[in-house]
Amino acid sequence: MTRKTQTTTFGSVVRESHSSKKFYSSKLYEDFEIPKNIEYKENKINKSDLNRLYCKSSENMDEIPDESVHLMITSPPYNVGKEYDDDLSLDEYLDLLNVVFSQVQKKLVTGGRACINIANIGRKPYIPLHAMVIEIMLDLGFLMRGEIIWDKSASGGGSCAWGSWMSASNPVLRDYHEYILVFSKDSYSKNKKQEKRDTIGHDEFIDWTRSIWTFPAVNAKKIGHPAPFPVELPHRLINLYSYEGDVILDPFCGSGTTCIAAIQNNRNYIGYDIKKEYIDLAQKRISNQKSIK
């Protein structure tokens, strides 16, 4: 028999059939409005327009119908002087992200998810980019679902600046993690009336719904891009947040890793990048993936 629980003074260990009504009716949540009477909107993309890469800025994605993308996965450029970065001020950089993510908001279906891989940068001062991106997304009206800590310590090297060695004078923290921020559009749930196939297994669901993920980074020289993320990252997000046959968008597609993960998991993809050499690299990697299949 399932044990029913609710919010208590000392918390609740058992989560099956757990009621959080008491918690969400507290003053802490009185200024938050839970979406109700949701009208689910979804438009189809022509087959000829699926599985395409566009060499242009994602500040304008008119090639995609509004309310047609099911999941966005991206890692925006960090504006730290890599060869693909423009030398933008912080305000200019955040303005760029605001414009791109406002486009994403238009393109997502009701209940569509947006997952953003981001790292904080600098030390003097430390710039919390992940907090700034959260603010942008909330201002655009996205619903925040949580954040995943990507633990990259398995691939961390030892040649990092530690500040003052073994002294309280100026010790410097070494970041062995990045964030994956998770949002949805207008609804916490997808349209339950649609019959679509899930592709996540029992053990993966238990493991991947934990807020800390541990897997190594990839070698940038091996991929041919200064800042690639491993296929494992979009692989998990695709299976956790989308159905088979859904459309996956990456507005900063770089070397095409999100697109490759989409192919591997029987999804469709659309990618944007302003650098022709990276579009060519992504297309080559995608073609190799298709030849393997």
Protein backbone atom coordinates (compact mmCIF):
# COMPACT_ATOMS: atom_id res chain seq x y z
CA MET A 1 0.00 0.00 0.00
CA THR A 2 1.35 3.44 -0.99
CA ARG A 3 2.16 5.66 1.97
CA LYS A 4 0.76 9.18 1.53
CA THR A 5 2.81 12.09 2.88
CA GLN A 6 2.68 15.88 3.02
CA THR A 7 4.97 18.75 3.94
CA THR A 8 6.00 18.49 7.62
CA THR A 9 8.23 20.37 10.04
CA PHE A 10 11.13 18.02 9.45
CA GLY A 11 10.49 17.28 5.79
CA SER A 12 9.37 14.04 4.21
CA VAL A 13 11.63 11.23 3.07
CA VAL A 14 8.94 9.28 1.22
CA ARG A 15 7.87 10.97 -2.04
CA GLU A 16 5.35 8.52 -3.51
CA SER A 17 1.83 10.02 -3.42
CA HIS A 18 3.27 13.09 -1.69
CA SER A 19 1.04 16.15 -1.38
CA SER A 20 2.81 19.52 -1.59
CA LYS A 21 -0.42 21.53 -1.31
CA LYS A 22 0.46 22.82 2.15
CA PHE A 23 3.85 24.06 0.91
CA TYR A 24 2.57 25.77 -2.25
CA SER A 25 -0.27 27.47 -0.37
CA SER A 26 2.22 29.14 2.01
CA LYS A 27 3.06 32.87 1.88
CA LEU A 28 6.33 32.00 0.16
CA TYR A 29 4.38 31.18 -3.02
CA GLU A 30 1.54 33.68 -2.77
CA ASP A 31 2.99 35.94 -5.50
CA PHE A 32 3.53 33.07 -7.95
CA GLU A 33 0.78 32.13 -10.37
CA ILE A 34 0.54 28.53 -11.52
CA PRO A 35 -0.59 28.34 -15.19
CA LYS A 36 -4.21 27.16 -15.51
CA ASN A 37 -6.63 26.56 -18.42
CA ILE A 38 -3.70 26.19 -20.79
CA GLU A 39 -4.27 26.33 -24.54
CA TYR A 40 -1.64 24.08 -26.08
CA LYS A 41 -0.33 25.46 -29.36
CA GLU A 42 1.81 23.52 -31.80
CA ASN A 43 2.50 24.09 -35.49
CA LYS A 44 4.08 21.60 -37.85
CA ILE A 45 7.33 22.21 -39.69
CA ASN A 46 7.51 21.06 -43.31
CA LYS A 47 9.66 17.95 -43.66
CA SER A 48 11.85 19.78 -46.16
CA ASP A 49 12.67 22.36 -43.46
CA LEU A 50 13.67 19.80 -40.83
CA ASN A 51 17.24 18.64 -40.16
CA ARG A 52 18.73 21.86 -41.46
CA LEU A 53 21.68 24.04 -40.46
CA TYR A 54 21.59 27.80 -41.06
CA CYS A 55 24.72 29.93 -41.32
CA LYS A 56 23.30 33.09 -39.80
CA SER A 57 22.56 34.71 -36.47
CA SER A 58 19.78 33.16 -34.41
CA GLU A 59 18.68 36.68 -33.47
CA ASN A 60 16.18 36.10 -36.28
CA MET A 61 14.89 32.57 -36.86
CA ASP A 62 12.15 33.28 -39.39
CA GLU A 63 12.90 29.97 -41.09
CA ILE A 64 11.07 28.24 -38.23
CA PRO A 65 7.31 28.64 -37.67
CA ASP A 66 6.29 30.00 -34.30
CA GLU A 67 5.25 27.35 -31.75
CA SER A 68 6.86 24.45 -33.61
CA VAL A 69 9.98 23.46 -31.62
CA HIS A 70 9.72 21.01 -28.74
CA LEU A 71 13.11 21.40 -27.07
CA MET A 72 15.96 23.90 -27.22
CA ILE A 73 19.43 22.83 -26.08
CA THR A 74 22.36 25.19 -26.37
CA SER A 75 25.58 26.46 -24.88
CA PRO A 76 25.96 30.11 -25.84
CA PRO A 77 29.40 31.62 -26.45
CA TYR A 78 30.80 32.92 -23.16
CA ASN A 79 32.36 36.10 -24.62
CA VAL A 80 35.76 35.28 -23.11
CA GLY A 81 37.97 35.84 -26.14
CA LYS A 82 37.81 32.47 -27.87
CA GLU A 83 38.20 32.60 -31.63
CA TYR A 84 34.45 32.48 -32.26
CA ASP A 85 33.65 35.24 -29.73
CA ASP A 86 33.05 38.89 -30.48
CA ASP A 87 34.58 41.28 -27.97
CA LEU A 88 31.29 42.46 -26.45
CA SER A 89 30.72 44.40 -23.27
CA LEU A 90 28.75 42.53 -20.63
CA ASP A 91 25.63 44.55 -21.44
CA GLU A 92 26.03 43.88 -25.17
CA TYR A 93 26.51 40.18 -24.50
CA LEU A 94 23.43 39.93 -22.31
CA ASP A 95 21.43 41.90 -24.89
CA LEU A 96 22.43 39.31 -27.53
CA LEU A 97 21.25 36.45 -25.32
CA ASN A 98 18.01 38.30 -24.58
CA VAL A 99 17.24 38.68 -28.30
CA VAL A 100 18.08 35.05 -29.13
CA PHE A 101 16.13 33.59 -26.20
CA SER A 102 13.14 35.80 -27.02
CA GLN A 103 13.20 34.16 -30.46
CA VAL A 104 13.39 30.75 -28.81
CA GLN A 105 10.36 31.65 -26.69
CA LYS A 106 8.38 32.36 -29.87
CA LYS A 107 9.45 29.13 -31.56
CA LEU A 108 8.74 26.73 -28.70
CA VAL A 109 5.42 24.90 -28.49
CA THR A 110 3.34 25.30 -25.36
CA GLY A 111 5.14 23.29 -22.69
CA GLY A 112 8.32 23.22 -24.78
CA ARG A 113 11.57 23.15 -22.81
CA ALA A 114 14.71 25.26 -23.00
CA CYS A 115 18.00 23.91 -21.60
CA ILE A 116 21.03 26.21 -21.40
CA ASN A 117 24.54 25.02 -20.60
CA ILE A 118 26.46 27.93 -19.09
CA ALA A 119 29.55 28.49 -16.96
CA ASN A 120 30.48 31.39 -14.73
CA ILE A 121 33.65 33.27 -15.68
CA GLY A 122 36.47 35.37 -14.29
CA ARG A 123 37.86 35.83 -10.81
CA LYS A 124 38.39 39.58 -10.29
CA PRO A 125 35.45 39.86 -10.11
CA TYR A 126 33.71 36.52 -10.54
CA ILE A 127 30.88 36.99 -13.08
CA PRO A 128 27.85 34.74 -12.33
CA LEU A 129 26.62 34.34 -15.89
CA HIS A 130 24.22 31.58 -14.89
CA ALA A 131 22.35 33.99 -12.57
CA MET A 132 22.19 36.61 -15.32
CA VAL A 133 20.80 34.09 -17.81
CA ILE A 134 18.17 33.01 -15.28
CA GLU A 135 17.10 36.64 -14.92
CA ILE A 136 16.83 37.02 -18.71
CA MET A 137 14.70 33.90 -19.04
CA LEU A 138 12.37 34.82 -16.18
CA ASP A 139 11.92 38.33 -17.59
CA LEU A 140 10.94 36.74 -20.93
CA GLY A 141 8.21 34.78 -19.14
CA PHE A 142 9.82 31.35 -19.02
CA LEU A 143 8.98 29.04 -16.13
CA MET A 144 12.11 27.79 -14.40
CA ARG A 145 12.20 24.05 -13.80
CA GLY A 146 15.54 23.76 -12.00
CA GLU A 147 19.26 23.60 -12.61
CA ILE A 148 21.61 20.69 -13.13
CA ILE A 149 25.20 20.86 -11.95
CA TRP A 150 27.50 19.24 -14.51
CA ASP A 151 30.41 17.85 -12.49
CA LYS A 152 33.40 17.81 -14.86
CA SER A 153 35.99 16.81 -12.25
CA ALA A 154 36.62 13.49 -14.02
CA SER A 155 38.34 15.42 -16.81
CA GLY A 156 39.83 18.23 -14.71
CA GLY A 157 43.54 18.92 -14.99
CA GLY A 158 45.92 20.11 -12.29
CA SER A 159 47.43 23.19 -13.95
CA CYS A 160 45.02 25.81 -12.61
CA ALA A 161 45.71 29.14 -10.89
CA TRP A 162 45.09 28.64 -7.19
CA GLY A 163 45.80 32.22 -6.14
CA SER A 164 47.84 32.38 -2.95
CA TRP A 165 49.27 28.90 -2.35
CA MET A 166 48.25 27.50 1.04
CA SER A 167 47.48 30.97 2.36
CA ALA A 168 44.36 32.91 3.27
CA SER A 169 45.83 35.91 1.43
CA ASN A 170 44.03 35.23 -1.87
CA PRO A 171 42.94 31.61 -2.47
CA VAL A 172 41.13 31.15 -5.78
CA LEU A 173 38.40 28.57 -6.27
CA ARG A 174 38.76 26.29 -9.27
CA ASP A 175 35.51 25.64 -11.16
CA TYR A 176 35.04 21.97 -11.98
CA HIS A 177 31.38 22.41 -12.80
CA GLU A 178 29.03 24.07 -15.24
CA TYR A 179 25.28 24.65 -15.08
CA ILE A 180 22.44 23.32 -17.19
CA LEU A 181 19.47 25.62 -16.62
CA VAL A 182 16.05 24.16 -17.42
CA PHE A 183 12.95 26.19 -18.34
CA SER A 184 9.60 25.63 -20.02
CA LYS A 185 7.19 27.82 -21.94
CA ASP A 186 3.75 28.68 -20.49
CA SER A 187 3.17 25.24 -18.95
CA TYR A 188 5.06 22.86 -16.72
CA SER A 189 3.60 19.90 -18.63
CA LYS A 190 3.46 18.94 -22.28
CA ASN A 191 0.20 18.32 -24.11
CA LYS A 192 -1.02 15.04 -22.61
CA LYS A 193 -3.58 14.50 -25.38
CA GLN A 194 -0.87 13.78 -27.91
CA GLU A 195 0.26 10.21 -28.37
CA LYS A 196 4.03 10.30 -28.52
CA ARG A 197 6.64 7.76 -27.47
CA ASP A 198 8.98 8.25 -24.52
CA THR A 199 12.49 6.87 -24.94
CA ILE A 200 13.93 6.96 -21.41
CA GLY A 201 14.44 3.84 -19.33
CA HIS A 202 13.75 3.21 -15.65
CA ASP A 203 17.35 3.48 -14.44
CA GLU A 204 18.13 6.49 -16.63
CA PHE A 205 15.06 8.35 -15.35
CA ILE A 206 16.09 7.82 -11.75
CA ASP A 207 19.70 8.82 -12.46
CA TRP A 208 19.08 11.78 -14.75
CA THR A 209 16.43 13.43 -12.57
CA ARG A 210 19.12 13.94 -9.93
CA SER A 211 20.45 17.50 -9.97
CA ILE A 212 24.13 16.53 -10.29
CA TRP A 213 25.43 14.88 -13.45
CA THR A 214 28.95 13.50 -13.68
CA PHE A 215 30.62 12.81 -17.01
CA PRO A 216 33.85 14.08 -18.59
CA ALA A 217 34.26 16.96 -21.00
CA VAL A 218 35.58 16.35 -24.53
CA ASN A 219 38.85 17.30 -26.15
CA ALA A 220 38.42 20.54 -28.10
CA LYS A 221 41.23 19.75 -30.55
CA LYS A 222 39.76 16.33 -31.29
CA ILE A 223 36.39 17.87 -32.19
CA GLY A 224 37.83 20.91 -33.97
CA HIS A 225 35.89 23.51 -31.97
CA PRO A 226 37.21 25.62 -29.06
CA ALA A 227 34.36 24.79 -26.65
CA PRO A 228 32.39 21.64 -27.52
CA PHE A 229 30.21 19.85 -25.02
CA PRO A 230 30.02 16.03 -25.03
CA VAL A 231 27.16 14.21 -26.78
CA GLU A 232 26.19 12.81 -23.39
CA LEU A 233 24.84 16.21 -22.34
CA PRO A 234 22.20 16.65 -25.09
CA HIS A 235 21.60 12.87 -25.13
CA ARG A 236 20.32 12.99 -21.56
CA LEU A 237 18.30 16.18 -22.06
CA ILE A 238 16.69 14.90 -25.25
CA ASN A 239 15.51 11.67 -23.62
CA LEU A 240 14.40 13.40 -20.42
CA TYR A 241 12.55 16.34 -21.98
CA SER A 242 11.30 15.28 -25.42
CA TYR A 243 9.46 12.52 -27.28
CA GLU A 244 10.62 10.49 -30.24
CA GLY A 245 10.18 12.48 -33.45
CA ASP A 246 10.24 15.89 -31.71
CA VAL A 247 12.13 18.90 -33.09
CA ILE A 248 15.32 19.93 -31.26
CA LEU A 249 16.75 23.44 -31.76
CA ASP A 250 20.27 24.71 -31.05
CA PRO A 251 20.61 28.45 -31.78
CA PHE A 252 24.39 28.34 -31.13
CA CYS A 253 25.07 24.94 -32.68
CA GLY A 254 28.87 25.20 -33.03
CA SER A 255 30.25 21.78 -33.96
CA GLY A 256 26.75 20.26 -34.16
CA THR A 257 26.77 18.08 -31.04
CA THR A 258 23.09 18.73 -30.24
CA CYS A 259 22.16 17.80 -33.80
CA ILE A 260 24.16 14.56 -33.58
CA ALA A 261 22.41 13.63 -30.33
CA ALA A 262 19.06 14.34 -32.00
CA ILE A 263 19.89 11.95 -34.85
CA GLN A 264 21.08 9.25 -32.43
CA ASN A 265 17.79 9.48 -30.52
CA ASN A 266 15.40 9.62 -33.51
CA ARG A 267 14.60 13.32 -33.25
CA ASN A 268 14.73 16.09 -35.81
CA TYR A 269 17.13 19.01 -35.50
CA ILE A 270 17.58 22.62 -36.55
CA GLY A 271 20.82 24.52 -35.88
CA TYR A 272 22.17 28.03 -36.29
CA ASP A 273 25.72 29.39 -36.22
CA ILE A 274 27.29 32.54 -37.63
CA LYS A 275 30.62 30.90 -38.52
CA LYS A 276 30.71 29.05 -41.85
CA GLU A 277 33.64 26.90 -40.75
CA TYR A 278 31.61 25.58 -37.82
CA ILE A 279 28.55 24.97 -39.99
CA ASP A 280 30.82 23.00 -42.33
CA LEU A 281 32.30 21.09 -39.38
CA ALA A 282 28.85 20.34 -37.98
CA GLN A 283 27.61 19.17 -41.38
CA LYS A 284 30.60 16.87 -41.75
CA ARG A 285 30.06 15.35 -38.30
CA ILE A 286 26.33 14.94 -39.02
CA SER A 287 27.05 13.26 -42.37
CA ASN A 288 29.45 10.85 -40.65
CA GLN A 289 26.77 10.06 -38.08
CA LYS A 290 24.17 9.39 -40.76
CA SER A 291 26.58 7.08 -42.60
CA ILE A 292 27.07 5.09 -39.38
CA LYS A 293 23.30 4.67 -38.99
